[in-house]
Amino acid sequence: MAAVVYHYAGYPFVLFLVAILSQAKSDLLYLFDRRSRRCTLRPDYLPRVALLVSAYNEAAVIQAKVSNTLQIDYPPDRLELLFGLDAPSDSTPELLAHAESRRLSVHYFDRRRGKLAVLCDLVQRTSAESLF
């Protein structure tokens, strides 16, 4: 009978006590050594950011998208705009050719592979710290 009671009540109680003690130890270490948990980045630091866009037959909306992305209020030297064209059959490449900007880079893929494959290729072409 004692083994059954320990199995259903005693063992969970022991685990509960171990969890409480472990959390208390972690909390005490945090209180006594707060400096190690502080952020070491400069307050004026801005990460390099890349905006990835996969497009297929988006002629109706691509100019508005490019216009919108070029209006992003972020330092130009810290922002990359990568457009991946997934073998479109409409005038999307011609429309993007007119949108000239140093921040904007257009990558044309000859074979239709899908959004995920295009985004994976775009990720490999950037060294930005944050991807959107």
Protein backbone atom coordinates (compact mmCIF):
# COMPACT_ATOMS: atom_id res chain seq x y z
CA MET A 1 0.00 0.00 0.00
CA ALA A 2 2.89 2.38 0.81
CA ALA A 3 4.37 1.86 -2.69
CA VAL A 4 1.06 2.78 -4.35
CA VAL A 5 0.66 5.92 -2.19
CA TYR A 6 4.28 6.95 -2.91
CA HIS A 7 3.74 6.35 -6.64
CA TYR A 8 0.63 8.55 -6.86
CA ALA A 9 1.26 11.16 -4.13
CA GLY A 10 4.81 10.97 -2.79
CA TYR A 11 6.77 11.05 -6.03
CA PRO A 12 4.89 14.06 -7.51
CA PHE A 13 5.39 15.85 -4.17
CA VAL A 14 9.15 15.17 -4.29
CA LEU A 15 9.31 16.51 -7.87
CA PHE A 16 7.39 19.59 -6.77
CA LEU A 17 9.88 20.24 -3.94
CA VAL A 18 12.87 19.77 -6.26
CA ALA A 19 11.34 22.27 -8.74
CA ILE A 20 10.78 24.82 -5.97
CA LEU A 21 14.33 24.48 -4.67
CA SER A 22 15.77 24.71 -8.17
CA GLN A 23 13.79 27.88 -8.91
CA ALA A 24 14.80 29.41 -5.56
CA LYS A 25 18.46 28.71 -6.34
CA SER A 26 18.12 30.30 -9.77
CA ASP A 27 16.39 33.37 -8.30
CA LEU A 28 19.08 33.83 -5.65
CA LEU A 29 21.86 33.58 -8.22
CA TYR A 30 20.09 36.21 -10.31
CA LEU A 31 19.75 38.57 -7.33
CA PHE A 32 23.43 38.34 -6.42
CA ASP A 33 24.81 38.49 -9.97
CA ARG A 34 22.59 40.90 -11.94
CA ARG A 35 25.43 42.46 -13.93
CA SER A 36 25.90 39.35 -16.04
CA ARG A 37 22.34 39.63 -17.37
CA ARG A 38 22.54 43.18 -18.61
CA CYS A 39 22.49 43.91 -22.32
CA THR A 40 25.92 44.83 -23.67
CA LEU A 41 24.70 46.51 -26.87
CA ARG A 42 25.10 50.21 -27.33
CA PRO A 43 21.84 52.13 -26.99
CA ASP A 44 22.34 53.66 -30.47
CA TYR A 45 22.92 50.27 -32.13
CA LEU A 46 20.65 49.35 -35.05
CA PRO A 47 20.81 45.84 -36.51
CA ARG A 48 21.15 45.15 -40.22
CA VAL A 49 17.69 44.26 -41.51
CA ALA A 50 16.59 42.54 -44.71
CA LEU A 51 13.07 42.57 -46.09
CA LEU A 52 12.49 39.51 -48.28
CA VAL A 53 9.67 39.46 -50.82
CA SER A 54 8.74 36.51 -53.02
CA ALA A 55 6.62 37.50 -56.01
CA TYR A 56 4.85 35.54 -58.73
CA ASN A 57 2.61 37.35 -61.24
CA GLU A 58 2.19 40.41 -59.02
CA ALA A 59 2.05 43.06 -61.76
CA ALA A 60 -1.12 44.57 -60.30
CA VAL A 61 0.42 45.33 -56.91
CA ILE A 62 4.21 45.24 -57.29
CA GLN A 63 4.67 48.98 -57.85
CA ALA A 64 2.67 49.81 -54.72
CA LYS A 65 4.70 47.24 -52.75
CA VAL A 66 8.01 48.71 -53.96
CA SER A 67 6.83 52.23 -53.23
CA ASN A 68 5.71 51.19 -49.76
CA THR A 69 8.96 49.38 -48.94
CA LEU A 70 11.12 52.27 -50.14
CA GLN A 71 9.29 54.54 -47.66
CA ILE A 72 10.41 52.49 -44.65
CA ASP A 73 11.94 54.84 -42.09
CA TYR A 74 15.18 52.97 -41.34
CA PRO A 75 18.77 53.98 -42.08
CA PRO A 76 19.49 53.11 -45.72
CA ASP A 77 22.87 51.56 -44.93
CA ARG A 78 21.22 49.16 -42.44
CA LEU A 79 18.28 48.03 -44.62
CA GLU A 80 18.29 45.61 -47.56
CA LEU A 81 15.27 45.03 -49.79
CA LEU A 82 15.42 41.73 -51.68
CA PHE A 83 12.73 40.83 -54.21
CA GLY A 84 12.71 37.30 -55.60
CA LEU A 85 10.75 36.75 -58.79
CA ASP A 86 9.55 33.17 -59.06
CA ALA A 87 9.44 32.85 -62.88
CA PRO A 88 6.51 35.23 -63.40
CA SER A 89 4.62 35.10 -66.67
CA ASP A 90 3.31 38.67 -66.50
CA SER A 91 5.04 42.06 -66.60
CA THR A 92 6.36 41.98 -63.02
CA PRO A 93 10.07 41.93 -64.06
CA GLU A 94 9.60 44.94 -66.37
CA LEU A 95 7.82 46.90 -63.65
CA LEU A 96 10.59 46.16 -61.15
CA ALA A 97 13.23 47.20 -63.70
CA HIS A 98 11.80 50.73 -63.55
CA ALA A 99 12.08 50.87 -59.75
CA GLU A 100 15.76 51.72 -59.43
CA SER A 101 17.16 52.07 -55.95
CA ARG A 102 20.46 51.20 -54.30
CA ARG A 103 18.63 49.43 -51.49
CA LEU A 104 16.49 47.32 -53.81
CA SER A 105 17.89 44.17 -55.36
CA VAL A 106 15.82 42.00 -57.66
CA HIS A 107 16.63 38.32 -58.21
CA TYR A 108 14.93 36.54 -61.08
CA PHE A 109 14.52 32.76 -60.94
CA ASP A 110 13.91 31.01 -64.28
CA ARG A 111 12.01 28.04 -62.94
CA ARG A 112 8.88 28.17 -60.77
CA ARG A 113 9.72 26.62 -57.41
CA GLY A 114 7.37 28.15 -54.87
CA LYS A 115 7.54 30.84 -52.23
CA LEU A 116 9.55 28.91 -49.66
CA ALA A 117 12.34 27.99 -52.10
CA VAL A 118 12.61 31.60 -53.29
CA LEU A 119 12.76 32.91 -49.73
CA CYS A 120 15.44 30.34 -48.83
CA ASP A 121 17.54 31.52 -51.79
CA LEU A 122 17.09 35.15 -50.75
CA VAL A 123 18.18 34.32 -47.20
CA GLN A 124 21.43 32.92 -48.58
CA ARG A 125 22.06 36.17 -50.48
CA THR A 126 21.97 38.41 -47.41
CA SER A 127 24.06 38.76 -44.29
CA ALA A 128 21.50 40.78 -42.33
CA GLU A 129 20.92 40.04 -38.67
CA SER A 130 17.12 40.26 -38.85
CA LEU A 131 14.92 38.99 -41.65
CA PHE A 132 11.37 40.11 -42.42
